Amino acid sequence: MERNVISKNTTIIGDIKAEGDFRIDGVLEGSLKTKGKVILGADAIIKGNVDALSADIEGFFSGQLKVEKTLTVKTIATISGEVTVGKLSIEPGANFNASCLMIEPGNATKKQNEKSKQPKKTFK
């Protein structure tokens, strides 16, 4: 299966669905859902939601990130928002400022949906 690419100096605003791997070196404002791997290059910027089998992040991500298997956060990456993963690998120097829910691989979407249906807990 071919890999899809959003090249540097390219901006996409909207939602993307793909079957295969996806490399982003440009900007995406919206959502990306794929059954493959997502790779964010060093210059990549994503503001929105990503749902993928696995992911390697070098660039900037802000939003909701669901990764069924392994999320690798590289040294120069910046991630903020909500993250749901099967496994998490963060290299020294990475900026990871997100809430993180770790689940059994293969259940990322299911667990996130269950979490959002649960009533919020309040403390007095």
PDB file of N, CA and C in Angstrom:
ATOM      1  N   MET A   1       0.841  -1.182   0.000  1.00  0.00           N
ATOM      2  CA  MET A   1       0.000   0.000   0.000  1.00  0.00           C
ATOM      3  C   MET A   1       0.887   1.247   0.000  1.00  0.00           C
ATOM      4  N   GLU A   2       0.512   2.229  -0.782  1.00  0.00           N
ATOM      5  CA  GLU A   2       1.299   3.454  -0.871  1.00  0.00           C
ATOM      6  C   GLU A   2       1.143   4.314   0.370  1.00  0.00           C
ATOM      7  N   ARG A   3       2.186   5.101   0.639  1.00  0.00           N
ATOM      8  CA  ARG A   3       2.142   6.030   1.768  1.00  0.00           C
ATOM      9  C   ARG A   3       1.671   7.384   1.253  1.00  0.00           C
ATOM     10  N   ASN A   4       0.755   7.997   1.989  1.00  0.00           N
ATOM     11  CA  ASN A   4       0.260   9.331   1.676  1.00  0.00           C
ATOM     12  C   ASN A   4       1.185  10.362   2.305  1.00  0.00           C
ATOM     13  N   VAL A   5       1.346  11.515   1.654  1.00  0.00           N
ATOM     14  CA  VAL A   5       2.254  12.543   2.154  1.00  0.00           C
ATOM     15  C   VAL A   5       1.616  13.926   2.030  1.00  0.00           C
ATOM     16  N   ILE A   6       1.719  14.702   3.121  1.00  0.00           N
ATOM     17  CA  ILE A   6       1.431  16.137   3.070  1.00  0.00           C
ATOM     18  C   ILE A   6       2.793  16.809   3.173  1.00  0.00           C
ATOM     19  N   SER A   7       3.227  17.405   2.085  1.00  0.00           N
ATOM     20  CA  SER A   7       4.577  17.955   2.004  1.00  0.00           C
ATOM     21  C   SER A   7       4.718  19.265   2.765  1.00  0.00           C
ATOM     22  N   LYS A   8       5.976  19.621   3.039  1.00  0.00           N
ATOM     23  CA  LYS A   8       6.304  20.902   3.665  1.00  0.00           C
ATOM     24  C   LYS A   8       5.732  22.019   2.790  1.00  0.00           C
ATOM     25  N   ASN A   9       5.310  23.115   3.398  1.00  0.00           N
ATOM     26  CA  ASN A   9       4.700  24.261   2.719  1.00  0.00           C
ATOM     27  C   ASN A   9       3.312  23.946   2.157  1.00  0.00           C
ATOM     28  N   THR A  10       2.678  22.876   2.657  1.00  0.00           N
ATOM     29  CA  THR A  10       1.315  22.528   2.270  1.00  0.00           C
ATOM     30  C   THR A  10       0.433  22.578   3.507  1.00  0.00           C
ATOM     31  N   THR A  11      -0.732  23.219   3.391  1.00  0.00           N
ATOM     32  CA  THR A  11      -1.695  23.288   4.490  1.00  0.00           C
ATOM     33  C   THR A  11      -3.004  22.664   4.040  1.00  0.00           C
ATOM     34  N   ILE A  12      -3.536  21.771   4.866  1.00  0.00           N
ATOM     35  CA  ILE A  12      -4.838  21.167   4.605  1.00  0.00           C
ATOM     36  C   ILE A  12      -5.747  21.495   5.777  1.00  0.00           C
ATOM     37  N   ILE A  13      -6.940  22.003   5.458  1.00  0.00           N
ATOM     38  CA  ILE A  13      -7.948  22.280   6.477  1.00  0.00           C
ATOM     39  C   ILE A  13      -9.130  21.370   6.168  1.00  0.00           C
ATOM     40  N   GLY A  14      -9.398  20.430   7.080  1.00  0.00           N
ATOM     41  CA  GLY A  14     -10.490  19.484   6.857  1.00  0.00           C
ATOM     42  C   GLY A  14     -10.185  18.126   7.451  1.00  0.00           C
ATOM     43  N   ASP A  15     -10.967  17.142   7.032  1.00  0.00           N
ATOM     44  CA  ASP A  15     -10.855  15.799   7.581  1.00  0.00           C
ATOM     45  C   ASP A  15     -10.327  14.833   6.531  1.00  0.00           C
ATOM     46  N   ILE A  16      -9.441  13.940   6.968  1.00  0.00           N
ATOM     47  CA  ILE A  16      -8.824  12.973   6.070  1.00  0.00           C
ATOM     48  C   ILE A  16      -9.070  11.571   6.613  1.00  0.00           C
ATOM     49  N   LYS A  17      -9.465  10.650   5.725  1.00  0.00           N
ATOM     50  CA  LYS A  17      -9.561   9.229   6.058  1.00  0.00           C
ATOM     51  C   LYS A  17      -8.654   8.491   5.095  1.00  0.00           C
ATOM     52  N   ALA A  18      -7.841   7.583   5.624  1.00  0.00           N
ATOM     53  CA  ALA A  18      -6.907   6.844   4.786  1.00  0.00           C
ATOM     54  C   ALA A  18      -6.808   5.404   5.272  1.00  0.00           C
ATOM     55  N   GLU A  19      -6.422   4.518   4.380  1.00  0.00           N
ATOM     56  CA  GLU A  19      -6.234   3.112   4.738  1.00  0.00           C
ATOM     57  C   GLU A  19      -4.786   2.829   5.129  1.00  0.00           C
ATOM     58  N   GLY A  20      -3.849   3.529   4.502  1.00  0.00           N
ATOM     59  CA  GLY A  20      -2.441   3.224   4.697  1.00  0.00           C
ATOM     60  C   GLY A  20      -1.711   4.235   5.560  1.00  0.00           C
ATOM     61  N   ASP A  21      -0.388   4.151   5.523  1.00  0.00           N
ATOM     62  CA  ASP A  21       0.469   5.041   6.300  1.00  0.00           C
ATOM     63  C   ASP A  21       0.360   6.474   5.786  1.00  0.00           C
ATOM     64  N   PHE A  22       0.673   7.420   6.666  1.00  0.00           N
ATOM     65  CA  PHE A  22       0.525   8.838   6.333  1.00  0.00           C
ATOM     66  C   PHE A  22       1.692   9.609   6.918  1.00  0.00           C
ATOM     67  N   ARG A  23       2.430  10.346   6.085  1.00  0.00           N
ATOM     68  CA  ARG A  23       3.519  11.201   6.555  1.00  0.00           C
ATOM     69  C   ARG A  23       3.103  12.651   6.366  1.00  0.00           C
ATOM     70  N   ILE A  24       3.309  13.447   7.426  1.00  0.00           N
ATOM     71  CA  ILE A  24       2.961  14.865   7.366  1.00  0.00           C
ATOM     72  C   ILE A  24       4.203  15.696   7.654  1.00  0.00           C
ATOM     73  N   ASP A  25       4.555  16.552   6.702  1.00  0.00           N
ATOM     74  CA  ASP A  25       5.640  17.507   6.881  1.00  0.00           C
ATOM     75  C   ASP A  25       5.102  18.932   6.799  1.00  0.00           C
ATOM     76  N   GLY A  26       3.825  19.063   6.484  1.00  0.00           N
ATOM     77  CA  GLY A  26       3.168  20.359   6.383  1.00  0.00           C
ATOM     78  C   GLY A  26       2.244  20.600   7.557  1.00  0.00           C
ATOM     79  N   VAL A  27       1.095  21.227   7.273  1.00  0.00           N
ATOM     80  CA  VAL A  27       0.141  21.613   8.318  1.00  0.00           C
ATOM     81  C   VAL A  27      -1.208  20.945   8.055  1.00  0.00           C
ATOM     82  N   LEU A  28      -1.804  20.401   9.114  1.00  0.00           N
ATOM     83  CA  LEU A  28      -3.161  19.860   9.053  1.00  0.00           C
ATOM     84  C   LEU A  28      -3.976  20.477  10.175  1.00  0.00           C
ATOM     85  N   GLU A  29      -5.074  21.137   9.802  1.00  0.00           N
ATOM     86  CA  GLU A  29      -6.034  21.645  10.779  1.00  0.00           C
ATOM     87  C   GLU A  29      -7.321  20.882  10.538  1.00  0.00           C
ATOM     88  N   GLY A  30      -7.590  19.899  11.393  1.00  0.00           N
ATOM     89  CA  GLY A  30      -8.756  19.041  11.204  1.00  0.00           C
ATOM     90  C   GLY A  30      -8.494  17.679  11.811  1.00  0.00           C
ATOM     91  N   SER A  31      -8.902  16.643  11.097  1.00  0.00           N
ATOM     92  CA  SER A  31      -8.709  15.305  11.644  1.00  0.00           C
ATOM     93  C   SER A  31      -8.124  14.362  10.604  1.00  0.00           C
ATOM     94  N   LEU A  32      -7.435  13.351  11.119  1.00  0.00           N
ATOM     95  CA  LEU A  32      -6.854  12.301  10.286  1.00  0.00           C
ATOM     96  C   LEU A  32      -7.171  10.971  10.937  1.00  0.00           C
ATOM     97  N   LYS A  33      -7.806  10.085  10.167  1.00  0.00           N
ATOM     98  CA  LYS A  33      -8.097   8.739  10.660  1.00  0.00           C
ATOM     99  C   LYS A  33      -7.522   7.753   9.658  1.00  0.00           C
ATOM    100  N   THR A  34      -6.644   6.868  10.147  1.00  0.00           N
ATOM    101  CA  THR A  34      -6.033   5.881   9.273  1.00  0.00           C
ATOM    102  C   THR A  34      -5.831   4.565  10.004  1.00  0.00           C
ATOM    103  N   LYS A  35      -5.839   3.480   9.233  1.00  0.00           N
ATOM    104  CA  LYS A  35      -5.574   2.154   9.791  1.00  0.00           C
ATOM    105  C   LYS A  35      -4.077   1.864   9.787  1.00  0.00           C
ATOM    106  N   GLY A  36      -3.287   2.824   9.338  1.00  0.00           N
ATOM    107  CA  GLY A  36      -1.846   2.658   9.257  1.00  0.00           C
ATOM    108  C   GLY A  36      -1.106   3.518  10.268  1.00  0.00           C
ATOM    109  N   LYS A  37       0.157   3.773   9.953  1.00  0.00           N
ATOM    110  CA  LYS A  37       1.046   4.550  10.815  1.00  0.00           C
ATOM    111  C   LYS A  37       1.039   6.013  10.381  1.00  0.00           C
ATOM    112  N   VAL A  38       1.098   6.913  11.360  1.00  0.00           N
ATOM    113  CA  VAL A  38       1.217   8.346  11.085  1.00  0.00           C
ATOM    114  C   VAL A  38       2.610   8.793  11.508  1.00  0.00           C
ATOM    115  N   ILE A  39       3.280   9.520  10.620  1.00  0.00           N
ATOM    116  CA  ILE A  39       4.602  10.073  10.912  1.00  0.00           C
ATOM    117  C   ILE A  39       4.509  11.583  10.761  1.00  0.00           C
ATOM    118  N   LEU A  40       4.828  12.308  11.830  1.00  0.00           N
ATOM    119  CA  LEU A  40       4.903  13.762  11.775  1.00  0.00           C
ATOM    120  C   LEU A  40       6.367  14.150  11.714  1.00  0.00           C
ATOM    121  N   GLY A  41       6.772  14.792  10.620  1.00  0.00           N
ATOM    122  CA  GLY A  41       8.140  15.248  10.478  1.00  0.00           C
ATOM    123  C   GLY A  41       8.425  16.430  11.389  1.00  0.00           C
ATOM    124  N   ALA A  42       9.665  16.858  11.411  1.00  0.00           N
ATOM    125  CA  ALA A  42      10.116  17.926  12.309  1.00  0.00           C
ATOM    126  C   ALA A  42       9.381  19.246  12.088  1.00  0.00           C
ATOM    127  N   ASP A  43       8.952  19.528  10.858  1.00  0.00           N
ATOM    128  CA  ASP A  43       8.273  20.788  10.549  1.00  0.00           C
ATOM    129  C   ASP A  43       6.750  20.669  10.558  1.00  0.00           C
ATOM    130  N   ALA A  44       6.230  19.504  10.866  1.00  0.00           N
ATOM    131  CA  ALA A  44       4.787  19.261  10.818  1.00  0.00           C
ATOM    132  C   ALA A  44       4.052  19.958  11.956  1.00  0.00           C
ATOM    133  N   ILE A  45       2.829  20.386  11.652  1.00  0.00           N
ATOM    134  CA  ILE A  45       1.937  20.971  12.656  1.00  0.00           C
ATOM    135  C   ILE A  45       0.556  20.354  12.452  1.00  0.00           C
ATOM    136  N   ILE A  46       0.012  19.774  13.523  1.00  0.00           N
ATOM    137  CA  ILE A  46      -1.364  19.278  13.483  1.00  0.00           C
ATOM    138  C   ILE A  46      -2.129  19.909  14.629  1.00  0.00           C
ATOM    139  N   LYS A  47      -3.264  20.505  14.281  1.00  0.00           N
ATOM    140  CA  LYS A  47      -4.198  21.029  15.278  1.00  0.00           C
ATOM    141  C   LYS A  47      -5.522  20.338  15.001  1.00  0.00           C
ATOM    142  N   GLY A  48      -5.859  19.355  15.852  1.00  0.00           N
ATOM    143  CA  GLY A  48      -7.082  18.594  15.623  1.00  0.00           C
ATOM    144  C   GLY A  48      -7.000  17.213  16.223  1.00  0.00           C
ATOM    145  N   ASN A  49      -7.557  16.239  15.515  1.00  0.00           N
ATOM    146  CA  ASN A  49      -7.634  14.878  16.020  1.00  0.00           C
ATOM    147  C   ASN A  49      -6.940  13.907  15.076  1.00  0.00           C
ATOM    148  N   VAL A  50      -6.241  12.941  15.676  1.00  0.00           N
ATOM    149  CA  VAL A  50      -5.611  11.880  14.897  1.00  0.00           C
ATOM    150  C   VAL A  50      -5.971  10.546  15.530  1.00  0.00           C
ATOM    151  N   ASP A  51      -6.360   9.593  14.689  1.00  0.00           N
ATOM    152  CA  ASP A  51      -6.684   8.232  15.107  1.00  0.00           C
ATOM    153  C   ASP A  51      -5.889   7.311  14.185  1.00  0.00           C
ATOM    154  N   ALA A  52      -4.914   6.563  14.756  1.00  0.00           N
ATOM    155  CA  ALA A  52      -4.030   5.751  13.931  1.00  0.00           C
ATOM    156  C   ALA A  52      -3.631   4.462  14.635  1.00  0.00           C
ATOM    157  N   LEU A  53      -3.076   3.540  13.855  1.00  0.00           N
ATOM    158  CA  LEU A  53      -2.582   2.284  14.406  1.00  0.00           C
ATOM    159  C   LEU A  53      -1.333   2.524  15.242  1.00  0.00           C
ATOM    160  N   SER A  54      -0.392   3.313  14.709  1.00  0.00           N
ATOM    161  CA  SER A  54       0.822   3.697  15.436  1.00  0.00           C
ATOM    162  C   SER A  54       1.245   5.075  14.946  1.00  0.00           C
ATOM    163  N   ALA A  55       2.156   5.725  15.699  1.00  0.00           N
ATOM    164  CA  ALA A  55       2.569   7.077  15.313  1.00  0.00           C
ATOM    165  C   ALA A  55       3.967   7.398  15.813  1.00  0.00           C
ATOM    166  N   ASP A  56       4.716   8.136  14.991  1.00  0.00           N
ATOM    167  CA  ASP A  56       6.009   8.716  15.351  1.00  0.00           C
ATOM    168  C   ASP A  56       5.862  10.225  15.194  1.00  0.00           C
ATOM    169  N   ILE A  57       6.106  10.964  16.279  1.00  0.00           N
ATOM    170  CA  ILE A  57       5.905  12.413  16.265  1.00  0.00           C
ATOM    171  C   ILE A  57       7.233  13.126  16.481  1.00  0.00           C
ATOM    172  N   GLU A  58       7.585  14.008  15.525  1.00  0.00           N
ATOM    173  CA  GLU A  58       8.749  14.891  15.673  1.00  0.00           C
ATOM    174  C   GLU A  58       8.309  16.347  15.756  1.00  0.00           C
ATOM    175  N   GLY A  59       7.200  16.669  15.126  1.00  0.00           N
ATOM    176  CA  GLY A  59       6.738  18.047  15.031  1.00  0.00           C
ATOM    177  C   GLY A  59       5.827  18.456  16.170  1.00  0.00           C
ATOM    178  N   PHE A  60       4.847  19.317  15.851  1.00  0.00           N
ATOM    179  CA  PHE A  60       3.924  19.893  16.834  1.00  0.00           C
ATOM    180  C   PHE A  60       2.550  19.260  16.677  1.00  0.00           C
ATOM    181  N   PHE A  61       1.979  18.799  17.790  1.00  0.00           N
ATOM    182  CA  PHE A  61       0.623  18.247  17.781  1.00  0.00           C
ATOM    183  C   PHE A  61      -0.173  18.851  18.922  1.00  0.00           C
ATOM    184  N   SER A  62      -1.394  19.313  18.614  1.00  0.00           N
ATOM    185  CA  SER A  62      -2.302  19.824  19.637  1.00  0.00           C
ATOM    186  C   SER A  62      -3.695  19.292  19.335  1.00  0.00           C
ATOM    187  N   GLY A  63      -4.270  18.552  20.293  1.00  0.00           N
ATOM    188  CA  GLY A  63      -5.605  18.008  20.082  1.00  0.00           C
ATOM    189  C   GLY A  63      -5.775  16.665  20.746  1.00  0.00           C
ATOM    190  N   GLN A  64      -6.580  15.819  20.108  1.00  0.00           N
ATOM    191  CA  GLN A  64      -6.859  14.488  20.637  1.00  0.00           C
ATOM    192  C   GLN A  64      -6.160  13.458  19.757  1.00  0.00           C
ATOM    193  N   LEU A  65      -5.303  12.653  20.385  1.00  0.00           N
ATOM    194  CA  LEU A  65      -4.498  11.669  19.668  1.00  0.00           C
ATOM    195  C   LEU A  65      -4.818  10.279  20.190  1.00  0.00           C
ATOM    196  N   LYS A  66      -5.290   9.392  19.291  1.00  0.00           N
ATOM    197  CA  LYS A  66      -5.592   8.003  19.650  1.00  0.00           C
ATOM    198  C   LYS A  66      -4.678   7.100  18.837  1.00  0.00           C
ATOM    199  N   VAL A  67      -3.857   6.312  19.530  1.00  0.00           N
ATOM    200  CA  VAL A  67      -2.925   5.404  18.863  1.00  0.00           C
ATOM    201  C   VAL A  67      -3.129   4.013  19.442  1.00  0.00           C
ATOM    202  N   GLU A  68      -3.560   3.080  18.600  1.00  0.00           N
ATOM    203  CA  GLU A  68      -3.854   1.727  19.068  1.00  0.00           C
ATOM    204  C   GLU A  68      -2.634   1.006  19.619  1.00  0.00           C
ATOM    205  N   LYS A  69      -1.519   1.127  18.931  1.00  0.00           N
ATOM    206  CA  LYS A  69      -0.314   0.405  19.349  1.00  0.00           C
ATOM    207  C   LYS A  69       0.673   1.358  20.019  1.00  0.00           C
ATOM    208  N   THR A  70       1.770   1.706  19.341  1.00  0.00           N
ATOM    209  CA  THR A  70       2.837   2.486  19.975  1.00  0.00           C
ATOM    210  C   THR A  70       2.914   3.912  19.445  1.00  0.00           C
ATOM    211  N   LEU A  71       2.976   4.856  20.380  1.00  0.00           N
ATOM    212  CA  LEU A  71       3.244   6.262  20.071  1.00  0.00           C
ATOM    213  C   LEU A  71       4.679   6.546  20.467  1.00  0.00           C
ATOM    214  N   THR A  72       5.487   7.001  19.512  1.00  0.00           N
ATOM    215  CA  THR A  72       6.868   7.385  19.785  1.00  0.00           C
ATOM    216  C   THR A  72       6.974   8.899  19.655  1.00  0.00           C
ATOM    217  N   VAL A  73       7.375   9.546  20.755  1.00  0.00           N
ATOM    218  CA  VAL A  73       7.520  11.000  20.789  1.00  0.00           C
ATOM    219  C   VAL A  73       9.012  11.309  20.725  1.00  0.00           C
ATOM    220  N   LYS A  74       9.440  11.902  19.625  1.00  0.00           N
ATOM    221  CA  LYS A  74      10.860  12.168  19.388  1.00  0.00           C
ATOM    222  C   LYS A  74      11.342  13.392  20.174  1.00  0.00           C
ATOM    223  N   THR A  75      12.645  13.552  20.256  1.00  0.00           N
ATOM    224  CA  THR A  75      13.298  14.590  21.054  1.00  0.00           C
ATOM    225  C   THR A  75      12.775  15.995  20.792  1.00  0.00           C
ATOM    226  N   ILE A  76      12.512  16.344  19.538  1.00  0.00           N
ATOM    227  CA  ILE A  76      12.115  17.717  19.205  1.00  0.00           C
ATOM    228  C   ILE A  76      10.600  17.907  19.132  1.00  0.00           C
ATOM    229  N   ALA A  77       9.822  16.898  19.516  1.00  0.00           N
ATOM    230  CA  ALA A  77       8.361  16.960  19.421  1.00  0.00           C
ATOM    231  C   ALA A  77       7.738  17.801  20.529  1.00  0.00           C
ATOM    232  N   THR A  78       6.562  18.357  20.223  1.00  0.00           N
ATOM    233  CA  THR A  78       5.728  19.036  21.208  1.00  0.00           C
ATOM    234  C   THR A  78       4.315  18.488  21.063  1.00  0.00           C
ATOM    235  N   ILE A  79       3.784  17.932  22.157  1.00  0.00           N
ATOM    236  CA  ILE A  79       2.430  17.377  22.143  1.00  0.00           C
ATOM    237  C   ILE A  79       1.639  17.972  23.294  1.00  0.00           C
ATOM    238  N   SER A  80       0.414  18.442  22.985  1.00  0.00           N
ATOM    239  CA  SER A  80      -0.500  18.904  24.029  1.00  0.00           C
ATOM    240  C   SER A  80      -1.898  18.406  23.688  1.00  0.00           C
ATOM    241  N   GLY A  81      -2.704  18.205  24.730  1.00  0.00           N
ATOM    242  CA  GLY A  81      -4.071  17.742  24.519  1.00  0.00           C
ATOM    243  C   GLY A  81      -4.372  16.469  25.267  1.00  0.00           C
ATOM    244  N   GLU A  82      -5.096  15.556  24.613  1.00  0.00           N
ATOM    245  CA  GLU A  82      -5.471  14.272  25.193  1.00  0.00           C
ATOM    246  C   GLU A  82      -4.895  13.153  24.340  1.00  0.00           C
ATOM    247  N   VAL A  83      -4.228  12.205  24.997  1.00  0.00           N
ATOM    248  CA  VAL A  83      -3.583  11.108  24.289  1.00  0.00           C
ATOM    249  C   VAL A  83      -4.094   9.782  24.845  1.00  0.00           C
ATOM    250  N   THR A  84      -4.477   8.875  23.944  1.00  0.00           N
ATOM    251  CA  THR A  84      -4.866   7.516  24.308  1.00  0.00           C
ATOM    252  C   THR A  84      -3.971   6.574  23.516  1.00  0.00           C
ATOM    253  N   VAL A  85      -3.217   5.716  24.216  1.00  0.00           N
ATOM    254  CA  VAL A  85      -2.232   4.868  23.540  1.00  0.00           C
ATOM    255  C   VAL A  85      -2.211   3.456  24.114  1.00  0.00           C
ATOM    256  N   GLY A  86      -1.669   2.535  23.303  1.00  0.00           N
ATOM    257  CA  GLY A  86      -1.385   1.193  23.792  1.00  0.00           C
ATOM    258  C   GLY A  86      -0.047   1.185  24.506  1.00  0.00           C
ATOM    259  N   LYS A  87       0.980   1.760  23.858  1.00  0.00           N
ATOM    260  CA  LYS A  87       2.320   1.883  24.438  1.00  0.00           C
ATOM    261  C   LYS A  87       2.841   3.278  24.133  1.00  0.00           C
ATOM    262  N   LEU A  88       3.675   3.798  25.041  1.00  0.00           N
ATOM    263  CA  LEU A  88       4.191   5.158  24.892  1.00  0.00           C
ATOM    264  C   LEU A  88       5.696   5.169  25.065  1.00  0.00           C
ATOM    265  N   SER A  89       6.388   5.809  24.124  1.00  0.00           N
ATOM    266  CA  SER A  89       7.836   5.973  24.198  1.00  0.00           C
ATOM    267  C   SER A  89       8.145   7.455  24.003  1.00  0.00           C
ATOM    268  N   ILE A  90       8.760   8.075  25.027  1.00  0.00           N
ATOM    269  CA  ILE A  90       9.091   9.501  24.953  1.00  0.00           C
ATOM    270  C   ILE A  90      10.597   9.664  25.084  1.00  0.00           C
ATOM    271  N   GLU A  91      11.210  10.257  24.067  1.00  0.00           N
ATOM    272  CA  GLU A  91      12.651  10.490  24.104  1.00  0.00           C
ATOM    273  C   GLU A  91      12.964  11.698  24.987  1.00  0.00           C
ATOM    274  N   PRO A  92      14.129  11.701  25.636  1.00  0.00           N
ATOM    275  CA  PRO A  92      14.534  12.854  26.454  1.00  0.00           C
ATOM    276  C   PRO A  92      14.544  14.130  25.607  1.00  0.00           C
ATOM    277  N   GLY A  93      14.015  15.207  26.174  1.00  0.00           N
ATOM    278  CA  GLY A  93      13.971  16.489  25.474  1.00  0.00           C
ATOM    279  C   GLY A  93      12.625  16.793  24.846  1.00  0.00           C
ATOM    280  N   ALA A  94      11.787  15.779  24.675  1.00  0.00           N
ATOM    281  CA  ALA A  94      10.467  16.001  24.085  1.00  0.00           C
ATOM    282  C   ALA A  94       9.587  16.788  25.048  1.00  0.00           C
ATOM    283  N   ASN A  95       8.665  17.566  24.496  1.00  0.00           N
ATOM    284  CA  ASN A  95       7.718  18.336  25.295  1.00  0.00           C
ATOM    285  C   ASN A  95       6.370  17.622  25.231  1.00  0.00           C
ATOM    286  N   PHE A  96       6.002  16.923  26.302  1.00  0.00           N
ATOM    287  CA  PHE A  96       4.752  16.161  26.364  1.00  0.00           C
ATOM    288  C   PHE A  96       3.885  16.756  27.461  1.00  0.00           C
ATOM    289  N   ASN A  97       2.933  17.606  27.070  1.00  0.00           N
ATOM    290  CA  ASN A  97       2.057  18.287  28.014  1.00  0.00           C
ATOM    291  C   ASN A  97       0.614  17.886  27.697  1.00  0.00           C
ATOM    292  N   ALA A  98       0.279  16.626  28.028  1.00  0.00           N
ATOM    293  CA  ALA A  98      -1.024  16.084  27.666  1.00  0.00           C
ATOM    294  C   ALA A  98      -1.515  15.123  28.731  1.00  0.00           C
ATOM    295  N   SER A  99      -2.831  14.971  28.808  1.00  0.00           N
ATOM    296  CA  SER A  99      -3.356  13.890  29.640  1.00  0.00           C
ATOM    297  C   SER A  99      -3.188  12.610  28.825  1.00  0.00           C
ATOM    298  N   CYS A 100      -2.871  11.524  29.506  1.00  0.00           N
ATOM    299  CA  CYS A 100      -2.567  10.288  28.792  1.00  0.00           C
ATOM    300  C   CYS A 100      -3.320   9.120  29.417  1.00  0.00           C
ATOM    301  N   LEU A 101      -4.014   8.365  28.581  1.00  0.00           N
ATOM    302  CA  LEU A 101      -4.700   7.156  28.995  1.00  0.00           C
ATOM    303  C   LEU A 101      -4.054   5.993  28.261  1.00  0.00           C
ATOM    304  N   MET A 102      -3.474   5.064  29.017  1.00  0.00           N
ATOM    305  CA  MET A 102      -2.858   3.890  28.398  1.00  0.00           C
ATOM    306  C   MET A 102      -3.836   2.730  28.489  1.00  0.00           C
ATOM    307  N   ILE A 103      -4.009   2.049  27.360  1.00  0.00           N
ATOM    308  CA  ILE A 103      -4.972   0.960  27.268  1.00  0.00           C
ATOM    309  C   ILE A 103      -4.299  -0.261  26.649  1.00  0.00           C
ATOM    310  N   GLU A 104      -5.020  -1.363  26.615  1.00  0.00           N
ATOM    311  CA  GLU A 104      -4.519  -2.549  25.934  1.00  0.00           C
ATOM    312  C   GLU A 104      -4.504  -2.246  24.445  1.00  0.00           C
ATOM    313  N   PRO A 105      -3.425  -2.616  23.738  1.00  0.00           N
ATOM    314  CA  PRO A 105      -3.388  -2.368  22.294  1.00  0.00           C
ATOM    315  C   PRO A 105      -4.634  -2.937  21.618  1.00  0.00           C
ATOM    316  N   GLY A 106      -5.207  -2.149  20.703  1.00  0.00           N
ATOM    317  CA  GLY A 106      -6.403  -2.560  19.993  1.00  0.00           C
ATOM    318  C   GLY A 106      -7.682  -1.993  20.582  1.00  0.00           C
ATOM    319  N   ASN A 107      -7.608  -1.359  21.750  1.00  0.00           N
ATOM    320  CA  ASN A 107      -8.807  -0.849  22.407  1.00  0.00           C
ATOM    321  C   ASN A 107      -8.802   0.664  22.578  1.00  0.00           C
ATOM    322  N   ALA A 108      -7.977   1.395  21.880  1.00  0.00           N
ATOM    323  CA  ALA A 108      -7.853   2.845  22.081  1.00  0.00           C
ATOM    324  C   ALA A 108      -9.177   3.562  21.869  1.00  0.00           C
ATOM    325  N   THR A 109      -9.844   3.296  20.763  1.00  0.00           N
ATOM    326  CA  THR A 109     -11.098   3.984  20.476  1.00  0.00           C
ATOM    327  C   THR A 109     -12.185   3.557  21.443  1.00  0.00           C
ATOM    328  N   LYS A 110     -12.273   2.267  21.727  1.00  0.00           N
ATOM    329  CA  LYS A 110     -13.292   1.747  22.640  1.00  0.00           C
ATOM    330  C   LYS A 110     -13.147   2.358  24.029  1.00  0.00           C
ATOM    331  N   LYS A 111     -11.936   2.368  24.575  1.00  0.00           N
ATOM    332  CA  LYS A 111     -11.707   2.900  25.919  1.00  0.00           C
ATOM    333  C   LYS A 111     -11.981   4.399  25.974  1.00  0.00           C
ATOM    334  N   GLN A 112     -11.577   5.144  24.936  1.00  0.00           N
ATOM    335  CA  GLN A 112     -11.805   6.590  24.918  1.00  0.00           C
ATOM    336  C   GLN A 112     -13.304   6.882  24.907  1.00  0.00           C
ATOM    337  N   ASN A 113     -14.072   6.095  24.139  1.00  0.00           N
ATOM    338  CA  ASN A 113     -15.521   6.289  24.091  1.00  0.00           C
ATOM    339  C   ASN A 113     -16.156   5.983  25.439  1.00  0.00           C
ATOM    340  N   GLU A 114     -15.692   4.912  26.119  1.00  0.00           N
ATOM    341  CA  GLU A 114     -16.210   4.573  27.442  1.00  0.00           C
ATOM    342  C   GLU A 114     -15.889   5.676  28.439  1.00  0.00           C
ATOM    343  N   LYS A 115     -14.672   6.232  28.346  1.00  0.00           N
ATOM    344  CA  LYS A 115     -14.248   7.293  29.260  1.00  0.00           C
ATOM    345  C   LYS A 115     -15.142   8.523  29.105  1.00  0.00           C
ATOM    346  N   SER A 116     -15.473   8.868  27.863  1.00  0.00           N
ATOM    347  CA  SER A 116     -16.278  10.067  27.633  1.00  0.00           C
ATOM    348  C   SER A 116     -17.730   9.883  28.083  1.00  0.00           C
ATOM    349  N   LYS A 117     -18.207   8.634  28.200  1.00  0.00           N
ATOM    350  CA  LYS A 117     -19.572   8.375  28.643  1.00  0.00           C
ATOM    351  C   LYS A 117     -19.701   8.349  30.161  1.00  0.00           C
ATOM    352  N   GLN A 118     -18.589   8.187  30.862  1.00  0.00           N
ATOM    353  CA  GLN A 118     -18.636   8.119  32.317  1.00  0.00           C
ATOM    354  C   GLN A 118     -18.924   9.505  32.892  1.00  0.00           C
ATOM    355  N   PRO A 119     -19.712   9.541  33.990  1.00  0.00           N
ATOM    356  CA  PRO A 119     -19.977  10.848  34.610  1.00  0.00           C
ATOM    357  C   PRO A 119     -18.701  11.434  35.197  1.00  0.00           C
ATOM    358  N   LYS A 120     -18.608  12.745  35.143  1.00  0.00           N
ATOM    359  CA  LYS A 120     -17.450  13.440  35.709  1.00  0.00           C
ATOM    360  C   LYS A 120     -17.498  13.353  37.231  1.00  0.00           C
ATOM    361  N   LYS A 121     -16.353  13.149  37.845  1.00  0.00           N
ATOM    362  CA  LYS A 121     -16.264  13.085  39.303  1.00  0.00           C
ATOM    363  C   LYS A 121     -15.955  14.477  39.832  1.00  0.00           C
ATOM    364  N   THR A 122     -16.648  14.850  40.880  1.00  0.00           N
ATOM    365  CA  THR A 122     -16.368  16.132  41.513  1.00  0.00           C
ATOM    366  C   THR A 122     -15.951  15.892  42.954  1.00  0.00           C
ATOM    367  N   PHE A 123     -15.034  16.690  43.409  1.00  0.00           N
ATOM    368  CA  PHE A 123     -14.528  16.570  44.773  1.00  0.00           C
ATOM    369  C   PHE A 123     -14.855  17.844  45.530  1.00  0.00           C
ATOM    370  N   LYS A 124     -15.229  17.667  46.801  1.00  0.00           N
ATOM    371  CA  LYS A 124     -15.563  18.835  47.623  1.00  0.00           C
ATOM    372  C   LYS A 124     -14.557  19.003  48.721  1.00  0.00           C
TER     373      LYS A 124
END
